[in-house]
Amino acid sequence: MIGSRRRSRSTTNVWPGYVDALSALLMLVIFMLLIYVVSQLFLSQTLSDRNSELARLNQRLNEISELLGLEQSKTEAMEQQMLTVQSNFSDSLAQNEGLQERLDASRNQLMQQAADAEARSERLANMNRELDDQDELSISQQNMIMRLSNQIASLQNQLRQITAALKLQKEMTADKDGELENVSRRLNTLLAERVNELERYQSEFFSRLRNILAANENIRIVGDRFLLPSELLFASGSARLGAEGKQELDKLAGVLLDVVKTIPQDLEWILRIDGHTDLIPINTPQFPSNWELSTARAVAVVRYLADQGVPQNRMVAAGFGEFFPVANGTTPEALQENRRIEIKLTDR
């Protein structure tokens, strides 16, 4: 009986100890589960905030890309930075997935071994540090957005200044266009007056010279030009003026000098002397081609008129060779008509 009491007392004393141990273990398990649930909720909220932040960041970057069209290089750099941020965020998501897997493993281990509670506490501390790192990444992203916003504001200010400058330039250009239009109108009026004045002297010169030279049937009038046959002025193949040609040029010089006295000094007029030949080529040491012959004849006429007192700065000589005929064909009459000196009073 004494032994029976001892066994009964021993059994009664051991059981409460087991109950206390199981209670402590159960409380530890419940505590760890609470920690897991809280961390799971915090991690879910963090992931949701990250997704919202990423969506807002993507939208803001699209606006920035439109506003920074003039700074393509900077935009590309910012896009590169955004890719880096997205890459870092992807790495963060991968880390979070790893954390999730480790939390699942921790839960299974808590169900199996309560003795590893201290090791699990160290893992939770690591996870907290990783979450802190994620918070630092979010702050870095916010700083980058702030810098981009400042750059956008600066560019908008520059665009406003450029727009104001362009508006001012347009107003100045409009004023200058108006002034130029007025000047152009005045110049056209003055030019028309000068042209009319010159035409009046041309008409007087033409009329008087026509009356004087009308007695010579070889001299023709075509439009506002007098055509003198080369035979009247020069021998065949020569650029030396003959006596008969000098007489006709004396008449021309007399009329011209008389008309010149009435022409204002500021009116730009010239007497144009053009030499022409027929199409029969010439090839002599003095005249290798019709170019030289026609030019030499025109110069001879200019020199003679200058000797008669016609101002040299009011005359011009040109040689056209055989390239501007007034008659077609190779008949003697056509060839004779094409060998000529043309005289015309015109403007400079």
C-alpha atoms as a PDB file:
ATOM      1  CA  MET A   1       0.000   0.000   0.000  1.00  0.00           C
ATOM      2  CA  ILE A   2       2.835   2.323   0.751  1.00  0.00           C
ATOM      3  CA  GLY A   3       4.305   1.546  -2.663  1.00  0.00           C
ATOM      4  CA  SER A   4       0.901   2.111  -4.231  1.00  0.00           C
ATOM      5  CA  ARG A   5       0.637   5.581  -2.705  1.00  0.00           C
ATOM      6  CA  ARG A   6       4.070   6.510  -3.887  1.00  0.00           C
ATOM      7  CA  ARG A   7       3.240   5.500  -7.467  1.00  0.00           C
ATOM      8  CA  SER A   8      -0.037   7.419  -7.348  1.00  0.00           C
ATOM      9  CA  ARG A   9       1.676  10.554  -5.944  1.00  0.00           C
ATOM     10  CA  SER A  10       4.415  10.290  -8.560  1.00  0.00           C
ATOM     11  CA  THR A  11       1.862  10.083 -11.374  1.00  0.00           C
ATOM     12  CA  THR A  12      -0.096  13.028 -10.067  1.00  0.00           C
ATOM     13  CA  ASN A  13       2.964  15.235  -9.822  1.00  0.00           C
ATOM     14  CA  VAL A  14       4.219  14.560 -13.407  1.00  0.00           C
ATOM     15  CA  TRP A  15       1.024  15.336 -15.284  1.00  0.00           C
ATOM     16  CA  PRO A  16       0.800  19.066 -14.480  1.00  0.00           C
ATOM     17  CA  GLY A  17       4.306  19.486 -15.774  1.00  0.00           C
ATOM     18  CA  TYR A  18       3.322  18.003 -19.113  1.00  0.00           C
ATOM     19  CA  VAL A  19       0.273  20.217 -19.235  1.00  0.00           C
ATOM     20  CA  ASP A  20       2.374  23.301 -18.556  1.00  0.00           C
ATOM     21  CA  ALA A  21       4.855  22.333 -21.232  1.00  0.00           C
ATOM     22  CA  LEU A  22       2.142  21.709 -23.794  1.00  0.00           C
ATOM     23  CA  SER A  23       0.477  25.021 -22.876  1.00  0.00           C
ATOM     24  CA  ALA A  24       3.714  26.888 -23.266  1.00  0.00           C
ATOM     25  CA  LEU A  25       4.345  25.176 -26.575  1.00  0.00           C
ATOM     26  CA  LEU A  26       0.827  25.980 -27.762  1.00  0.00           C
ATOM     27  CA  MET A  27       1.207  29.635 -26.765  1.00  0.00           C
ATOM     28  CA  LEU A  28       4.519  29.809 -28.572  1.00  0.00           C
ATOM     29  CA  VAL A  29       2.940  28.335 -31.679  1.00  0.00           C
ATOM     30  CA  ILE A  30       0.031  30.786 -31.457  1.00  0.00           C
ATOM     31  CA  PHE A  31       2.478  33.663 -30.968  1.00  0.00           C
ATOM     32  CA  MET A  32       4.487  32.645 -34.009  1.00  0.00           C
ATOM     33  CA  LEU A  33       1.329  32.244 -36.063  1.00  0.00           C
ATOM     34  CA  LEU A  34       0.259  35.775 -35.039  1.00  0.00           C
ATOM     35  CA  ILE A  35       3.637  37.099 -36.069  1.00  0.00           C
ATOM     36  CA  TYR A  36       3.309  35.290 -39.418  1.00  0.00           C
ATOM     37  CA  VAL A  37      -0.195  36.673 -40.026  1.00  0.00           C
ATOM     38  CA  VAL A  38       0.888  40.234 -39.178  1.00  0.00           C
ATOM     39  CA  SER A  39       3.951  40.001 -41.361  1.00  0.00           C
ATOM     40  CA  GLN A  40       1.835  38.487 -44.144  1.00  0.00           C
ATOM     41  CA  LEU A  41      -0.632  41.371 -43.938  1.00  0.00           C
ATOM     42  CA  PHE A  42       2.200  43.922 -43.880  1.00  0.00           C
ATOM     43  CA  LEU A  43       3.861  42.238 -46.844  1.00  0.00           C
ATOM     44  CA  SER A  44       0.576  42.182 -48.818  1.00  0.00           C
ATOM     45  CA  GLN A  45       0.008  45.874 -48.105  1.00  0.00           C
ATOM     46  CA  THR A  46       3.581  46.628 -49.148  1.00  0.00           C
ATOM     47  CA  LEU A  47       3.120  44.736 -52.416  1.00  0.00           C
ATOM     48  CA  SER A  48      -0.145  46.581 -53.093  1.00  0.00           C
ATOM     49  CA  ASP A  49       1.549  49.913 -52.421  1.00  0.00           C
ATOM     50  CA  ARG A  50       4.386  48.951 -54.721  1.00  0.00           C
ATOM     51  CA  ASN A  51       1.963  48.087 -57.550  1.00  0.00           C
ATOM     52  CA  SER A  52       0.075  51.372 -57.107  1.00  0.00           C
ATOM     53  CA  GLU A  53       3.340  53.292 -56.966  1.00  0.00           C
ATOM     54  CA  LEU A  54       4.582  51.540 -60.111  1.00  0.00           C
ATOM     55  CA  ALA A  55       1.345  52.295 -62.000  1.00  0.00           C
ATOM     56  CA  ARG A  56       1.473  55.955 -60.941  1.00  0.00           C
ATOM     57  CA  LEU A  57       5.144  56.116 -61.839  1.00  0.00           C
ATOM     58  CA  ASN A  58       4.498  54.650 -65.313  1.00  0.00           C
ATOM     59  CA  GLN A  59       1.729  57.185 -65.952  1.00  0.00           C
ATOM     60  CA  ARG A  60       3.938  60.049 -64.791  1.00  0.00           C
ATOM     61  CA  LEU A  61       6.794  58.864 -66.983  1.00  0.00           C
ATOM     62  CA  ASN A  62       4.502  58.808 -70.047  1.00  0.00           C
ATOM     63  CA  GLU A  63       3.622  62.465 -69.415  1.00  0.00           C
ATOM     64  CA  ILE A  64       7.284  63.276 -68.962  1.00  0.00           C
ATOM     65  CA  SER A  65       8.150  61.568 -72.260  1.00  0.00           C
ATOM     66  CA  GLU A  66       5.613  63.737 -74.135  1.00  0.00           C
ATOM     67  CA  LEU A  67       6.881  66.962 -72.546  1.00  0.00           C
ATOM     68  CA  LEU A  68      10.528  66.154 -73.140  1.00  0.00           C
ATOM     69  CA  GLY A  69      10.260  65.552 -76.886  1.00  0.00           C
ATOM     70  CA  LEU A  70      12.851  68.292 -77.542  1.00  0.00           C
ATOM     71  CA  GLU A  71      15.355  66.609 -75.171  1.00  0.00           C
ATOM     72  CA  GLN A  72      15.520  63.112 -76.598  1.00  0.00           C
ATOM     73  CA  SER A  73      18.845  62.272 -75.073  1.00  0.00           C
ATOM     74  CA  LYS A  74      17.632  63.152 -71.562  1.00  0.00           C
ATOM     75  CA  THR A  75      14.454  61.191 -72.133  1.00  0.00           C
ATOM     76  CA  GLU A  76      16.430  58.139 -73.136  1.00  0.00           C
ATOM     77  CA  ALA A  77      18.522  58.487 -69.979  1.00  0.00           C
ATOM     78  CA  MET A  78      15.384  58.734 -67.858  1.00  0.00           C
ATOM     79  CA  GLU A  79      13.880  55.731 -69.623  1.00  0.00           C
ATOM     80  CA  GLN A  80      17.059  53.858 -68.852  1.00  0.00           C
ATOM     81  CA  GLN A  81      16.718  54.878 -65.222  1.00  0.00           C
ATOM     82  CA  MET A  82      13.101  53.740 -65.269  1.00  0.00           C
ATOM     83  CA  LEU A  83      14.155  50.390 -66.684  1.00  0.00           C
ATOM     84  CA  THR A  84      16.671  50.129 -63.866  1.00  0.00           C
ATOM     85  CA  VAL A  85      13.973  50.948 -61.317  1.00  0.00           C
ATOM     86  CA  GLN A  86      11.645  48.403 -62.879  1.00  0.00           C
ATOM     87  CA  SER A  87      14.426  45.869 -62.838  1.00  0.00           C
ATOM     88  CA  ASN A  88      15.091  46.636 -59.194  1.00  0.00           C
ATOM     89  CA  PHE A  89      11.398  46.376 -58.490  1.00  0.00           C
ATOM     90  CA  SER A  90      11.252  43.058 -60.307  1.00  0.00           C
ATOM     91  CA  ASP A  91      14.148  41.927 -58.163  1.00  0.00           C
ATOM     92  CA  SER A  92      12.182  43.129 -55.140  1.00  0.00           C
ATOM     93  CA  LEU A  93       9.174  41.101 -56.266  1.00  0.00           C
ATOM     94  CA  ALA A  94      11.410  38.109 -56.674  1.00  0.00           C
ATOM     95  CA  GLN A  95      12.779  38.717 -53.194  1.00  0.00           C
ATOM     96  CA  ASN A  96       9.248  39.016 -51.848  1.00  0.00           C
ATOM     97  CA  GLU A  97       8.345  35.742 -53.490  1.00  0.00           C
ATOM     98  CA  GLY A  98      11.392  34.245 -51.837  1.00  0.00           C
ATOM     99  CA  LEU A  99      10.257  35.692 -48.551  1.00  0.00           C
ATOM    100  CA  GLN A 100       6.831  34.174 -49.101  1.00  0.00           C
ATOM    101  CA  GLU A 101       8.349  30.804 -49.731  1.00  0.00           C
ATOM    102  CA  ARG A 102      10.489  31.123 -46.645  1.00  0.00           C
ATOM    103  CA  LEU A 103       7.452  32.145 -44.574  1.00  0.00           C
ATOM    104  CA  ASP A 104       5.613  29.064 -45.815  1.00  0.00           C
ATOM    105  CA  ALA A 105       8.580  26.978 -44.877  1.00  0.00           C
ATOM    106  CA  SER A 106       8.659  28.671 -41.480  1.00  0.00           C
ATOM    107  CA  ARG A 107       5.005  27.902 -40.898  1.00  0.00           C
ATOM    108  CA  ASN A 108       5.550  24.245 -41.676  1.00  0.00           C
ATOM    109  CA  GLN A 109       8.559  24.166 -39.432  1.00  0.00           C
ATOM    110  CA  LEU A 110       6.591  25.811 -36.579  1.00  0.00           C
ATOM    111  CA  MET A 111       4.012  23.068 -36.867  1.00  0.00           C
ATOM    112  CA  GLN A 112       6.709  20.466 -36.587  1.00  0.00           C
ATOM    113  CA  GLN A 113       9.384  21.848 -34.299  1.00  0.00           C
ATOM    114  CA  ALA A 114       8.733  24.405 -31.602  1.00  0.00           C
ATOM    115  CA  ALA A 115      12.361  24.279 -30.571  1.00  0.00           C
ATOM    116  CA  ASP A 116      13.403  26.315 -33.627  1.00  0.00           C
ATOM    117  CA  ALA A 117      11.590  29.452 -32.419  1.00  0.00           C
ATOM    118  CA  GLU A 118      14.828  31.413 -31.939  1.00  0.00           C
ATOM    119  CA  ALA A 119      16.007  30.605 -35.469  1.00  0.00           C
ATOM    120  CA  ARG A 120      12.678  31.707 -36.886  1.00  0.00           C
ATOM    121  CA  SER A 121      12.968  34.998 -34.934  1.00  0.00           C
ATOM    122  CA  GLU A 122      16.325  35.647 -36.653  1.00  0.00           C
ATOM    123  CA  ARG A 123      14.634  35.045 -40.051  1.00  0.00           C
ATOM    124  CA  LEU A 124      11.905  37.543 -39.210  1.00  0.00           C
ATOM    125  CA  ALA A 125      14.580  40.112 -38.395  1.00  0.00           C
ATOM    126  CA  ASN A 126      16.156  39.520 -41.829  1.00  0.00           C
ATOM    127  CA  MET A 127      12.799  39.993 -43.463  1.00  0.00           C
ATOM    128  CA  ASN A 128      12.312  43.277 -41.620  1.00  0.00           C
ATOM    129  CA  ARG A 129      15.662  44.497 -42.876  1.00  0.00           C
ATOM    130  CA  GLU A 130      14.702  43.561 -46.425  1.00  0.00           C
ATOM    131  CA  LEU A 131      11.418  45.470 -46.044  1.00  0.00           C
ATOM    132  CA  ASP A 132      13.384  48.471 -44.810  1.00  0.00           C
ATOM    133  CA  ASP A 133      15.511  48.223 -47.946  1.00  0.00           C
ATOM    134  CA  GLN A 134      12.316  48.272 -50.010  1.00  0.00           C
ATOM    135  CA  ASP A 135      11.209  51.455 -48.211  1.00  0.00           C
ATOM    136  CA  GLU A 136      14.557  53.079 -49.087  1.00  0.00           C
ATOM    137  CA  LEU A 137      14.012  52.101 -52.743  1.00  0.00           C
ATOM    138  CA  SER A 138      10.599  53.794 -52.694  1.00  0.00           C
ATOM    139  CA  ILE A 139      12.165  56.992 -51.309  1.00  0.00           C
ATOM    140  CA  SER A 140      14.756  56.900 -54.109  1.00  0.00           C
ATOM    141  CA  GLN A 141      11.991  56.600 -56.672  1.00  0.00           C
ATOM    142  CA  GLN A 142      10.173  59.555 -55.157  1.00  0.00           C
ATOM    143  CA  ASN A 143      13.368  61.634 -55.294  1.00  0.00           C
ATOM    144  CA  MET A 144      13.819  60.754 -58.958  1.00  0.00           C
ATOM    145  CA  ILE A 145      10.220  61.784 -59.714  1.00  0.00           C
ATOM    146  CA  MET A 146      10.808  65.057 -57.883  1.00  0.00           C
ATOM    147  CA  ARG A 147      13.893  65.777 -60.028  1.00  0.00           C
ATOM    148  CA  LEU A 148      11.965  64.966 -63.194  1.00  0.00           C
ATOM    149  CA  SER A 149       9.134  67.274 -62.139  1.00  0.00           C
ATOM    150  CA  ASN A 150      11.607  70.101 -61.587  1.00  0.00           C
ATOM    151  CA  GLN A 151      13.088  69.506 -65.044  1.00  0.00           C
ATOM    152  CA  ILE A 152       9.599  69.591 -66.589  1.00  0.00           C
ATOM    153  CA  ALA A 153       8.833  72.893 -64.869  1.00  0.00           C
ATOM    154  CA  SER A 154      12.117  74.349 -66.142  1.00  0.00           C
ATOM    155  CA  LEU A 155      11.383  73.226 -69.707  1.00  0.00           C
ATOM    156  CA  GLN A 156       7.881  74.667 -69.562  1.00  0.00           C
ATOM    157  CA  ASN A 157       9.342  77.993 -68.440  1.00  0.00           C
ATOM    158  CA  GLN A 158      11.799  77.921 -71.349  1.00  0.00           C
ATOM    159  CA  LEU A 159       8.962  77.137 -73.777  1.00  0.00           C
ATOM    160  CA  ARG A 160       6.986  80.112 -72.491  1.00  0.00           C
ATOM    161  CA  GLN A 161       9.994  82.381 -72.989  1.00  0.00           C
ATOM    162  CA  ILE A 162      10.568  81.051 -76.526  1.00  0.00           C
ATOM    163  CA  THR A 163       6.874  81.541 -77.369  1.00  0.00           C
ATOM    164  CA  ALA A 164       7.000  85.140 -76.139  1.00  0.00           C
ATOM    165  CA  ALA A 165      10.175  85.793 -78.163  1.00  0.00           C
ATOM    166  CA  LEU A 166       8.592  84.306 -81.307  1.00  0.00           C
ATOM    167  CA  LYS A 167       5.493  86.437 -80.849  1.00  0.00           C
ATOM    168  CA  LEU A 168       7.640  89.564 -80.501  1.00  0.00           C
ATOM    169  CA  GLN A 169       9.655  88.556 -83.575  1.00  0.00           C
ATOM    170  CA  LYS A 170       6.472  88.072 -85.601  1.00  0.00           C
ATOM    171  CA  GLU A 171       5.240  91.520 -84.605  1.00  0.00           C
ATOM    172  CA  MET A 172       8.580  93.084 -85.573  1.00  0.00           C
ATOM    173  CA  THR A 173       8.566  91.151 -88.853  1.00  0.00           C
ATOM    174  CA  ALA A 174       5.044  92.344 -89.624  1.00  0.00           C
ATOM    175  CA  ASP A 175       6.104  95.961 -89.025  1.00  0.00           C
ATOM    176  CA  LYS A 176       9.169  95.537 -91.232  1.00  0.00           C
ATOM    177  CA  ASP A 177       7.080  93.889 -93.935  1.00  0.00           C
ATOM    178  CA  GLY A 178       4.780  96.899 -93.893  1.00  0.00           C
ATOM    179  CA  GLU A 179       7.730  99.277 -94.170  1.00  0.00           C
ATOM    180  CA  LEU A 180       9.255  97.223 -96.985  1.00  0.00           C
ATOM    181  CA  GLU A 181       5.950  97.196 -98.798  1.00  0.00           C
ATOM    182  CA  ASN A 182       5.742 100.984 -98.574  1.00  0.00           C
ATOM    183  CA  VAL A 183       9.352 101.368 -99.738  1.00  0.00           C
ATOM    184  CA  SER A 184       8.756  98.912-102.575  1.00  0.00           C
ATOM    185  CA  ARG A 185       5.653 100.812-103.595  1.00  0.00           C
ATOM    186  CA  ARG A 186       7.560 104.089-103.633  1.00  0.00           C
ATOM    187  CA  LEU A 187      10.438 102.545-105.571  1.00  0.00           C
ATOM    188  CA  ASN A 188       8.067 101.080-108.130  1.00  0.00           C
ATOM    189  CA  THR A 189       6.449 104.485-108.516  1.00  0.00           C
ATOM    190  CA  LEU A 190       9.810 106.196-108.982  1.00  0.00           C
ATOM    191  CA  LEU A 191      10.933 103.478-111.374  1.00  0.00           C
ATOM    192  CA  ALA A 192       7.772 103.819-113.416  1.00  0.00           C
ATOM    193  CA  GLU A 193       8.300 107.563-113.536  1.00  0.00           C
ATOM    194  CA  ARG A 194      11.899 107.075-114.679  1.00  0.00           C
ATOM    195  CA  VAL A 195      10.865 104.542-117.293  1.00  0.00           C
ATOM    196  CA  ASN A 196       8.202 106.879-118.623  1.00  0.00           C
ATOM    197  CA  GLU A 197      10.700 109.744-118.692  1.00  0.00           C
ATOM    198  CA  LEU A 198      13.282 107.625-120.529  1.00  0.00           C
ATOM    199  CA  GLU A 199      10.641 106.451-122.974  1.00  0.00           C
ATOM    200  CA  ARG A 200       9.837 110.057-123.728  1.00  0.00           C
ATOM    201  CA  TYR A 201      13.469 110.802-124.614  1.00  0.00           C
ATOM    202  CA  GLN A 202      13.678 107.525-126.534  1.00  0.00           C
ATOM    203  CA  SER A 203      10.642 108.519-128.526  1.00  0.00           C
ATOM    204  CA  GLU A 204      12.131 111.960-129.247  1.00  0.00           C
ATOM    205  CA  PHE A 205      15.484 110.460-130.249  1.00  0.00           C
ATOM    206  CA  PHE A 206      13.812 107.817-132.384  1.00  0.00           C
ATOM    207  CA  SER A 207      11.545 110.296-134.130  1.00  0.00           C
ATOM    208  CA  ARG A 208      14.280 112.820-134.932  1.00  0.00           C
ATOM    209  CA  LEU A 209      16.761 110.148-136.036  1.00  0.00           C
ATOM    210  CA  ARG A 210      14.150 108.527-138.249  1.00  0.00           C
ATOM    211  CA  ASN A 211      13.493 111.814-139.996  1.00  0.00           C
ATOM    212  CA  ILE A 212      17.192 112.380-140.576  1.00  0.00           C
ATOM    213  CA  LEU A 213      18.053 108.870-141.728  1.00  0.00           C
ATOM    214  CA  ALA A 214      14.875 108.319-143.724  1.00  0.00           C
ATOM    215  CA  ALA A 215      16.609 109.570-146.857  1.00  0.00           C
ATOM    216  CA  ASN A 216      18.842 106.492-146.867  1.00  0.00           C
ATOM    217  CA  GLU A 217      16.739 103.594-148.082  1.00  0.00           C
ATOM    218  CA  ASN A 218      19.297 101.051-146.839  1.00  0.00           C
ATOM    219  CA  ILE A 219      18.651 101.981-143.213  1.00  0.00           C
ATOM    220  CA  ARG A 220      15.779  99.986-141.759  1.00  0.00           C
ATOM    221  CA  ILE A 221      13.735 100.472-138.607  1.00  0.00           C
ATOM    222  CA  VAL A 222      12.682  97.366-136.664  1.00  0.00           C
ATOM    223  CA  GLY A 223      10.708  98.161-133.531  1.00  0.00           C
ATOM    224  CA  ASP A 224      12.788 100.624-131.476  1.00  0.00           C
ATOM    225  CA  ARG A 225      16.081  99.804-133.252  1.00  0.00           C
ATOM    226  CA  PHE A 226      17.859 101.267-136.275  1.00  0.00           C
ATOM    227  CA  LEU A 227      19.488  98.675-138.531  1.00  0.00           C
ATOM    228  CA  LEU A 228      22.420  99.966-140.563  1.00  0.00           C
ATOM    229  CA  PRO A 229      23.775  97.539-143.203  1.00  0.00           C
ATOM    230  CA  SER A 230      27.425  96.659-142.708  1.00  0.00           C
ATOM    231  CA  GLU A 231      28.142  97.546-146.344  1.00  0.00           C
ATOM    232  CA  LEU A 232      27.148 101.135-145.534  1.00  0.00           C
ATOM    233  CA  LEU A 233      29.800 101.365-142.837  1.00  0.00           C
ATOM    234  CA  PHE A 234      32.508  98.796-143.614  1.00  0.00           C
ATOM    235  CA  ALA A 235      34.168  97.046-146.516  1.00  0.00           C
ATOM    236  CA  SER A 236      33.769  93.262-146.790  1.00  0.00           C
ATOM    237  CA  GLY A 237      35.665  91.416-144.035  1.00  0.00           C
ATOM    238  CA  SER A 238      36.845  94.729-142.513  1.00  0.00           C
ATOM    239  CA  ALA A 239      36.128  96.643-139.291  1.00  0.00           C
ATOM    240  CA  ARG A 240      37.415 100.001-140.595  1.00  0.00           C
ATOM    241  CA  LEU A 241      34.724 102.672-141.073  1.00  0.00           C
ATOM    242  CA  GLY A 242      34.299 104.078-144.565  1.00  0.00           C
ATOM    243  CA  ALA A 243      33.569 107.673-145.528  1.00  0.00           C
ATOM    244  CA  GLU A 244      29.873 107.081-146.247  1.00  0.00           C
ATOM    245  CA  GLY A 245      29.444 105.271-142.943  1.00  0.00           C
ATOM    246  CA  LYS A 246      31.062 108.131-141.049  1.00  0.00           C
ATOM    247  CA  GLN A 247      28.614 110.587-142.607  1.00  0.00           C
ATOM    248  CA  GLU A 248      25.651 108.555-141.347  1.00  0.00           C
ATOM    249  CA  LEU A 249      27.214 108.238-137.909  1.00  0.00           C
ATOM    250  CA  ASP A 250      27.774 112.016-137.833  1.00  0.00           C
ATOM    251  CA  LYS A 251      24.025 112.457-138.255  1.00  0.00           C
ATOM    252  CA  LEU A 252      23.424 109.965-135.452  1.00  0.00           C
ATOM    253  CA  ALA A 253      25.911 111.707-133.144  1.00  0.00           C
ATOM    254  CA  GLY A 254      24.374 115.126-133.849  1.00  0.00           C
ATOM    255  CA  VAL A 255      20.860 113.972-132.956  1.00  0.00           C
ATOM    256  CA  LEU A 256      22.055 112.095-129.899  1.00  0.00           C
ATOM    257  CA  LEU A 257      24.082 115.011-128.550  1.00  0.00           C
ATOM    258  CA  ASP A 258      21.129 117.332-129.072  1.00  0.00           C
ATOM    259  CA  VAL A 259      18.779 114.982-127.194  1.00  0.00           C
ATOM    260  CA  VAL A 260      21.331 114.280-124.458  1.00  0.00           C
ATOM    261  CA  LYS A 261      21.325 117.953-123.459  1.00  0.00           C
ATOM    262  CA  THR A 262      17.717 117.595-122.283  1.00  0.00           C
ATOM    263  CA  ILE A 263      18.132 114.247-120.481  1.00  0.00           C
ATOM    264  CA  PRO A 264      18.603 114.608-116.665  1.00  0.00           C
ATOM    265  CA  GLN A 265      22.001 113.533-115.329  1.00  0.00           C
ATOM    266  CA  ASP A 266      20.515 111.006-112.906  1.00  0.00           C
ATOM    267  CA  LEU A 267      18.585 109.187-115.644  1.00  0.00           C
ATOM    268  CA  GLU A 268      20.521 106.003-116.471  1.00  0.00           C
ATOM    269  CA  TRP A 269      20.516 105.731-120.272  1.00  0.00           C
ATOM    270  CA  ILE A 270      22.903 104.052-122.703  1.00  0.00           C
ATOM    271  CA  LEU A 271      23.328 103.853-126.463  1.00  0.00           C
ATOM    272  CA  ARG A 272      23.650 100.195-127.379  1.00  0.00           C
ATOM    273  CA  ILE A 273      25.648  99.220-130.477  1.00  0.00           C
ATOM    274  CA  ASP A 274      25.271  95.578-131.597  1.00  0.00           C
ATOM    275  CA  GLY A 275      27.320  93.976-134.387  1.00  0.00           C
ATOM    276  CA  HIS A 276      25.932  91.090-136.490  1.00  0.00           C
ATOM    277  CA  THR A 277      27.312  89.040-139.387  1.00  0.00           C
ATOM    278  CA  ASP A 278      25.882  86.538-141.853  1.00  0.00           C
ATOM    279  CA  LEU A 279      26.380  82.797-141.440  1.00  0.00           C
ATOM    280  CA  ILE A 280      29.336  82.575-143.844  1.00  0.00           C
ATOM    281  CA  PRO A 281      32.346  81.852-141.594  1.00  0.00           C
ATOM    282  CA  ILE A 282      35.453  84.014-141.618  1.00  0.00           C
ATOM    283  CA  ASN A 283      38.947  82.887-140.646  1.00  0.00           C
ATOM    284  CA  THR A 284      41.681  85.494-140.983  1.00  0.00           C
ATOM    285  CA  PRO A 285      44.613  86.375-138.699  1.00  0.00           C
ATOM    286  CA  GLN A 286      42.731  89.467-137.549  1.00  0.00           C
ATOM    287  CA  PHE A 287      39.282  87.852-137.271  1.00  0.00           C
ATOM    288  CA  PRO A 288      39.412  84.093-136.473  1.00  0.00           C
ATOM    289  CA  SER A 289      35.591  83.936-136.432  1.00  0.00           C
ATOM    290  CA  ASN A 290      32.472  86.008-136.892  1.00  0.00           C
ATOM    291  CA  TRP A 291      32.522  86.733-133.137  1.00  0.00           C
ATOM    292  CA  GLU A 292      35.650  88.850-133.496  1.00  0.00           C
ATOM    293  CA  LEU A 293      34.430  90.564-136.679  1.00  0.00           C
ATOM    294  CA  SER A 294      31.005  91.555-135.267  1.00  0.00           C
ATOM    295  CA  THR A 295      32.549  92.753-131.978  1.00  0.00           C
ATOM    296  CA  ALA A 296      35.275  94.768-133.741  1.00  0.00           C
ATOM    297  CA  ARG A 297      32.692  96.537-135.926  1.00  0.00           C
ATOM    298  CA  ALA A 298      30.539  97.448-132.902  1.00  0.00           C
ATOM    299  CA  VAL A 299      33.618  98.789-131.087  1.00  0.00           C
ATOM    300  CA  ALA A 300      34.614 100.816-134.161  1.00  0.00           C
ATOM    301  CA  VAL A 301      31.220 102.517-134.176  1.00  0.00           C
ATOM    302  CA  VAL A 302      31.458 103.256-130.430  1.00  0.00           C
ATOM    303  CA  ARG A 303      34.931 104.731-130.795  1.00  0.00           C
ATOM    304  CA  TYR A 304      33.861 106.989-133.666  1.00  0.00           C
ATOM    305  CA  LEU A 305      30.816 108.263-131.760  1.00  0.00           C
ATOM    306  CA  ALA A 306      33.045 108.901-128.734  1.00  0.00           C
ATOM    307  CA  ASP A 307      35.296 110.997-130.955  1.00  0.00           C
ATOM    308  CA  GLN A 308      32.238 113.027-131.915  1.00  0.00           C
ATOM    309  CA  GLY A 309      31.533 113.866-128.276  1.00  0.00           C
ATOM    310  CA  VAL A 310      29.131 111.110-127.207  1.00  0.00           C
ATOM    311  CA  PRO A 311      29.989 110.191-123.565  1.00  0.00           C
ATOM    312  CA  GLN A 312      31.905 106.935-123.458  1.00  0.00           C
ATOM    313  CA  ASN A 313      30.206 105.844-120.232  1.00  0.00           C
ATOM    314  CA  ARG A 314      26.845 106.034-122.045  1.00  0.00           C
ATOM    315  CA  MET A 315      27.695 103.522-124.776  1.00  0.00           C
ATOM    316  CA  VAL A 316      28.075  99.742-124.910  1.00  0.00           C
ATOM    317  CA  ALA A 317      29.362  97.534-127.756  1.00  0.00           C
ATOM    318  CA  ALA A 318      28.420  93.883-128.243  1.00  0.00           C
ATOM    319  CA  GLY A 319      29.164  91.288-130.928  1.00  0.00           C
ATOM    320  CA  PHE A 320      26.644  88.542-131.732  1.00  0.00           C
ATOM    321  CA  GLY A 321      28.297  86.906-134.733  1.00  0.00           C
ATOM    322  CA  GLU A 322      25.891  85.052-137.007  1.00  0.00           C
ATOM    323  CA  PHE A 323      23.639  83.708-134.242  1.00  0.00           C
ATOM    324  CA  PHE A 324      20.780  86.261-134.318  1.00  0.00           C
ATOM    325  CA  PRO A 325      19.680  86.640-137.939  1.00  0.00           C
ATOM    326  CA  VAL A 326      16.754  88.813-139.003  1.00  0.00           C
ATOM    327  CA  ALA A 327      16.287  86.947-142.293  1.00  0.00           C
ATOM    328  CA  ASN A 328      16.257  83.199-142.952  1.00  0.00           C
ATOM    329  CA  GLY A 329      17.929  81.425-145.841  1.00  0.00           C
ATOM    330  CA  THR A 330      21.200  81.752-147.728  1.00  0.00           C
ATOM    331  CA  THR A 331      20.110  84.007-150.556  1.00  0.00           C
ATOM    332  CA  PRO A 332      22.270  87.115-151.199  1.00  0.00           C
ATOM    333  CA  GLU A 333      19.412  89.320-149.982  1.00  0.00           C
ATOM    334  CA  ALA A 334      19.072  87.367-146.694  1.00  0.00           C
ATOM    335  CA  LEU A 335      22.818  87.394-146.097  1.00  0.00           C
ATOM    336  CA  GLN A 336      22.933  91.158-146.730  1.00  0.00           C
ATOM    337  CA  GLU A 337      20.100  91.842-144.257  1.00  0.00           C
ATOM    338  CA  ASN A 338      21.863  89.815-141.554  1.00  0.00           C
ATOM    339  CA  ARG A 339      25.138  91.777-141.948  1.00  0.00           C
ATOM    340  CA  ARG A 340      24.161  94.839-139.914  1.00  0.00           C
ATOM    341  CA  ILE A 341      24.823  97.250-137.046  1.00  0.00           C
ATOM    342  CA  GLU A 342      21.897  97.779-134.671  1.00  0.00           C
ATOM    343  CA  ILE A 343      21.567 101.013-132.671  1.00  0.00           C
ATOM    344  CA  LYS A 344      19.196 101.434-129.763  1.00  0.00           C
ATOM    345  CA  LEU A 345      18.705 104.030-126.995  1.00  0.00           C
ATOM    346  CA  THR A 346      17.761 102.170-123.814  1.00  0.00           C
ATOM    347  CA  ASP A 347      18.326 102.075-120.042  1.00  0.00           C
ATOM    348  CA  ARG A 348      21.234 100.557-118.181  1.00  0.00           C
END
